[in-house]
N, C-alpha and C. Protein backbone atom coordinates (compact mmCIF):
# COMPACT_ATOMS: atom_id res chain seq x y z
N UNK A 1 0.78 -1.08 -0.01
CA UNK A 1 0.06 0.01 0.14
C UNK A 1 0.95 1.44 0.12
N UNK A 2 0.64 2.07 -0.65
CA UNK A 2 1.49 3.19 -1.18
C UNK A 2 0.46 4.55 -0.84
N UNK A 3 1.00 5.37 0.07
CA UNK A 3 0.02 6.63 0.33
C UNK A 3 0.82 7.97 -0.24
N UNK A 4 1.79 7.91 -0.24
CA UNK A 4 2.56 9.36 -0.70
C UNK A 4 4.10 8.72 -1.73
N UNK A 5 4.19 9.75 -2.26
CA UNK A 5 5.72 9.38 -2.89
C UNK A 5 6.66 9.25 -2.12
N UNK A 6 7.80 8.02 -2.51
CA UNK A 6 8.76 7.76 -1.79
C UNK A 6 8.40 7.08 -0.51
N UNK A 7 7.63 6.34 -0.69
CA UNK A 7 6.90 5.26 0.29
C UNK A 7 7.27 3.79 -0.52
N UNK A 8 7.62 2.61 0.10
CA UNK A 8 7.58 1.59 -0.48
C UNK A 8 6.44 0.84 -0.34
N UNK A 9 6.25 0.05 -1.07
CA UNK A 9 4.84 -0.84 -1.53
C UNK A 9 5.38 -2.53 -1.41
N UNK A 10 4.93 -3.20 -0.39
CA UNK A 10 5.73 -4.74 -0.24
C UNK A 10 4.96 -5.36 -1.06
N UNK A 11 5.47 -6.09 -1.92
CA UNK A 11 5.17 -7.54 -2.58
C UNK A 11 5.22 -8.44 -2.21
N UNK A 12 4.95 -9.46 -2.57
CA UNK A 12 5.36 -11.01 -2.17
C UNK A 12 5.18 -11.67 -3.18
N UNK A 13 6.34 -12.50 -3.15
CA UNK A 13 6.48 -13.41 -4.45
C UNK A 13 7.20 -14.82 -3.83
N UNK A 14 6.67 -15.73 -5.07
CA UNK A 14 6.97 -17.51 -4.55
C UNK A 14 8.17 -17.73 -5.04
N UNK A 15 9.20 -18.30 -4.90
CA UNK A 15 10.22 -18.73 -5.48
C UNK A 15 10.56 -20.16 -4.90
N UNK A 16 11.42 -20.70 -5.74
CA UNK A 16 11.50 -22.05 -5.16
C UNK A 16 12.99 -22.10 -3.92
N UNK A 17 12.89 -23.09 -3.21
CA UNK A 17 13.64 -23.20 -2.05
C UNK A 17 15.13 -22.86 -2.31
N UNK A 18 15.51 -23.72 -3.80
CA UNK A 18 16.89 -23.45 -4.17
C UNK A 18 17.07 -21.95 -4.61
N UNK A 19 16.15 -21.45 -5.18
CA UNK A 19 16.34 -20.13 -5.48
C UNK A 19 16.26 -19.39 -4.20
N UNK A 20 15.76 -19.54 -3.58
CA UNK A 20 15.62 -18.26 -2.22
C UNK A 20 17.12 -18.42 -1.82
N UNK A 21 17.44 -19.74 -1.60
CA UNK A 21 18.75 -20.21 -0.73
C UNK A 21 20.06 -19.22 -1.75
N UNK A 22 20.26 -19.45 -2.96
CA UNK A 22 20.79 -18.72 -3.86
C UNK A 22 21.05 -17.34 -3.36
N UNK A 23 19.78 -17.04 -3.68
CA UNK A 23 19.61 -15.49 -3.69
C UNK A 23 19.88 -14.92 -2.04
N UNK A 24 19.64 -15.60 -0.94
CA UNK A 24 20.25 -15.37 0.42
C UNK A 24 21.85 -15.42 0.21
N UNK A 25 22.54 -16.33 -0.29
CA UNK A 25 23.92 -16.26 -0.38
C UNK A 25 24.46 -15.19 -1.26
N UNK A 26 23.97 -14.64 -2.28
CA UNK A 26 24.38 -13.56 -2.94
C UNK A 26 24.16 -12.47 -2.14
N UNK A 27 23.19 -12.19 -1.43
CA UNK A 27 22.86 -11.12 -0.64
C UNK A 27 24.26 -10.96 0.47
N UNK A 28 24.35 -11.85 1.20
CA UNK A 28 25.48 -11.95 2.07
C UNK A 28 26.81 -11.87 1.42
N UNK A 29 26.93 -12.46 0.30
CA UNK A 29 28.28 -11.71 0.01
C UNK A 29 28.52 -10.31 -0.31
N UNK A 30 27.00 -9.58 -0.59
CA UNK A 30 27.25 -7.87 -0.69
C UNK A 30 27.13 -7.36 0.46
N UNK A 31 26.87 -8.29 1.43
CA UNK A 31 26.27 -7.89 3.33
C UNK A 31 25.09 -6.98 3.05
N UNK A 32 24.02 -7.66 2.20
CA UNK A 32 22.71 -6.89 2.33
C UNK A 32 22.13 -7.78 2.65
N UNK A 33 20.78 -7.44 3.32
CA UNK A 33 19.69 -8.38 3.57
C UNK A 33 18.90 -9.01 2.41
N UNK A 34 18.10 -9.64 2.39
CA UNK A 34 17.73 -10.30 1.40
C UNK A 34 16.64 -9.48 0.47
N UNK A 35 15.82 -8.64 1.29
CA UNK A 35 15.04 -7.87 0.98
C UNK A 35 15.81 -6.78 0.53
N UNK A 36 16.98 -6.28 0.65
CA UNK A 36 17.74 -5.33 0.06
C UNK A 36 18.31 -5.30 -0.99
N UNK A 37 18.68 -6.71 -1.08
CA UNK A 37 19.15 -7.21 -2.55
C UNK A 37 18.34 -7.36 -3.46
N UNK A 38 17.40 -8.24 -3.13
CA UNK A 38 16.16 -8.01 -4.17
C UNK A 38 15.69 -6.83 -4.82
N UNK A 39 15.35 -5.78 -3.52
CA UNK A 39 15.10 -4.39 -4.29
C UNK A 39 16.34 -3.66 -5.01
N UNK A 40 17.11 -3.98 -4.70
CA UNK A 40 18.32 -3.71 -5.75
C UNK A 40 18.01 -4.18 -7.18
N UNK A 41 18.12 -5.49 -6.67
CA UNK A 41 18.01 -6.49 -8.40
C UNK A 41 17.05 -6.08 -9.24
N UNK A 42 15.92 -5.28 -8.53
CA UNK A 42 14.89 -5.11 -9.39
C UNK A 42 14.99 -3.71 -9.94
N UNK A 43 15.34 -2.98 -9.14
CA UNK A 43 15.51 -1.53 -9.83
C UNK A 43 16.90 -1.45 -10.72
N UNK A 44 17.71 -2.23 -10.57
CA UNK A 44 18.89 -2.31 -11.71
C UNK A 44 18.09 -2.87 -12.94
N UNK A 45 17.25 -3.79 -12.67
CA UNK A 45 16.54 -4.69 -14.23
C UNK A 45 15.65 -3.65 -14.71
N UNK A 46 14.94 -2.53 -14.06
CA UNK A 46 14.05 -1.76 -14.33
C UNK A 46 14.72 -0.57 -15.21
N UNK A 47 16.26 -0.32 -14.59
CA UNK A 47 16.80 0.76 -15.24
C UNK A 47 17.12 0.07 -16.55
N UNK A 48 17.72 -0.93 -16.66
CA UNK A 48 18.54 -1.67 -17.91
C UNK A 48 17.28 -1.78 -19.18
N UNK A 49 15.92 -2.02 -18.31
CA UNK A 49 14.80 -2.26 -19.30
C UNK A 49 15.02 -0.85 -19.98
N UNK A 50 14.65 0.29 -19.01
CA UNK A 50 14.34 1.63 -19.45
C UNK A 50 15.69 2.14 -20.71
N UNK A 51 17.08 1.87 -20.17
CA UNK A 51 17.90 2.01 -21.10
C UNK A 51 17.45 1.38 -22.57
N UNK A 52 17.35 0.47 -22.52
CA UNK A 52 16.93 -0.38 -23.94
C UNK A 52 15.76 -0.12 -24.52
N UNK A 53 14.76 0.48 -23.71
CA UNK A 53 13.44 0.63 -24.36
C UNK A 53 12.80 2.00 -24.19
N UNK A 54 13.64 2.61 -23.52
CA UNK A 54 12.86 4.19 -23.10
C UNK A 54 12.09 4.14 -21.87
N UNK A 55 12.20 5.58 -21.32
CA UNK A 55 11.78 5.78 -20.13
C UNK A 55 10.13 5.18 -20.11
N UNK A 56 9.98 4.56 -19.04
CA UNK A 56 8.45 3.95 -18.70
C UNK A 56 7.60 5.24 -18.18
N UNK A 57 6.71 5.41 -18.74
CA UNK A 57 5.66 6.72 -18.04
C UNK A 57 4.62 6.17 -17.19
N UNK A 58 4.50 6.53 -16.04
CA UNK A 58 3.70 6.27 -15.57
C UNK A 58 2.49 7.19 -15.39
N UNK A 59 1.20 6.49 -15.14
CA UNK A 59 -0.09 7.46 -14.66
C UNK A 59 0.06 8.41 -13.67
N UNK A 60 0.73 8.12 -12.37
CA UNK A 60 1.22 8.69 -11.87
C UNK A 60 2.10 9.64 -11.61
N UNK A 61 2.92 9.73 -13.10
CA UNK A 61 4.00 11.02 -13.48
C UNK A 61 3.27 12.35 -13.67
N UNK A 62 1.92 11.74 -13.92
CA UNK A 62 1.30 13.37 -14.52
C UNK A 62 0.88 14.28 -12.87
N UNK A 63 1.52 15.65 -13.46
CA UNK A 63 1.47 16.61 -12.50
C UNK A 63 -0.19 16.64 -11.62
N UNK A 64 -0.59 17.06 -10.85
CA UNK A 64 -1.59 17.17 -10.48
C UNK A 64 -2.31 18.31 -10.68
N UNK A 65 -3.47 17.98 -10.70
CA UNK A 65 -4.69 19.15 -11.50
C UNK A 65 -4.25 20.07 -10.83
N UNK A 66 -4.45 21.72 -10.81
CA UNK A 66 -4.55 22.54 -9.79
C UNK A 66 -6.41 22.47 -8.90
N UNK A 67 -6.35 22.62 -7.92
CA UNK A 67 -7.58 22.53 -7.80
C UNK A 67 -8.12 23.99 -7.29
N UNK A 68 -9.68 24.04 -7.84
CA UNK A 68 -10.19 25.53 -7.58
C UNK A 68 -10.66 25.33 -6.17
N UNK A 69 -10.30 27.01 -5.83
CA UNK A 69 -11.02 27.11 -4.11
C UNK A 69 -12.05 27.65 -4.25
N UNK A 70 -13.07 27.65 -3.75
CA UNK A 70 -14.47 28.25 -3.40
C UNK A 70 -14.43 28.45 -2.65
N UNK A 71 -15.43 29.71 -2.00
CA UNK A 71 -15.47 30.27 -0.86
C UNK A 71 -17.02 29.88 -0.71
N UNK A 72 -17.17 29.32 0.57
CA UNK A 72 -18.59 28.99 1.05
C UNK A 72 -19.26 30.12 1.39
N UNK A 73 -20.56 30.26 1.16
CA UNK A 73 -21.04 31.49 1.62
C UNK A 73 -22.23 30.97 2.38
């Protein structure tokens, strides 16, 4: 659940036990937690995708519409 920009969103994935063990090994070699290693891995892969295919534009990237402020009478 994300309420504001720069907050994180929790996601859950299922992987084979062997893959999980290998990820834990790689994370420990980099002195990271599994969570921080997977987060870095995902960010790096999104970045590589965008380098190859161009920046991904998200609907949330649109500027907020200005609100009209009205006075109550």
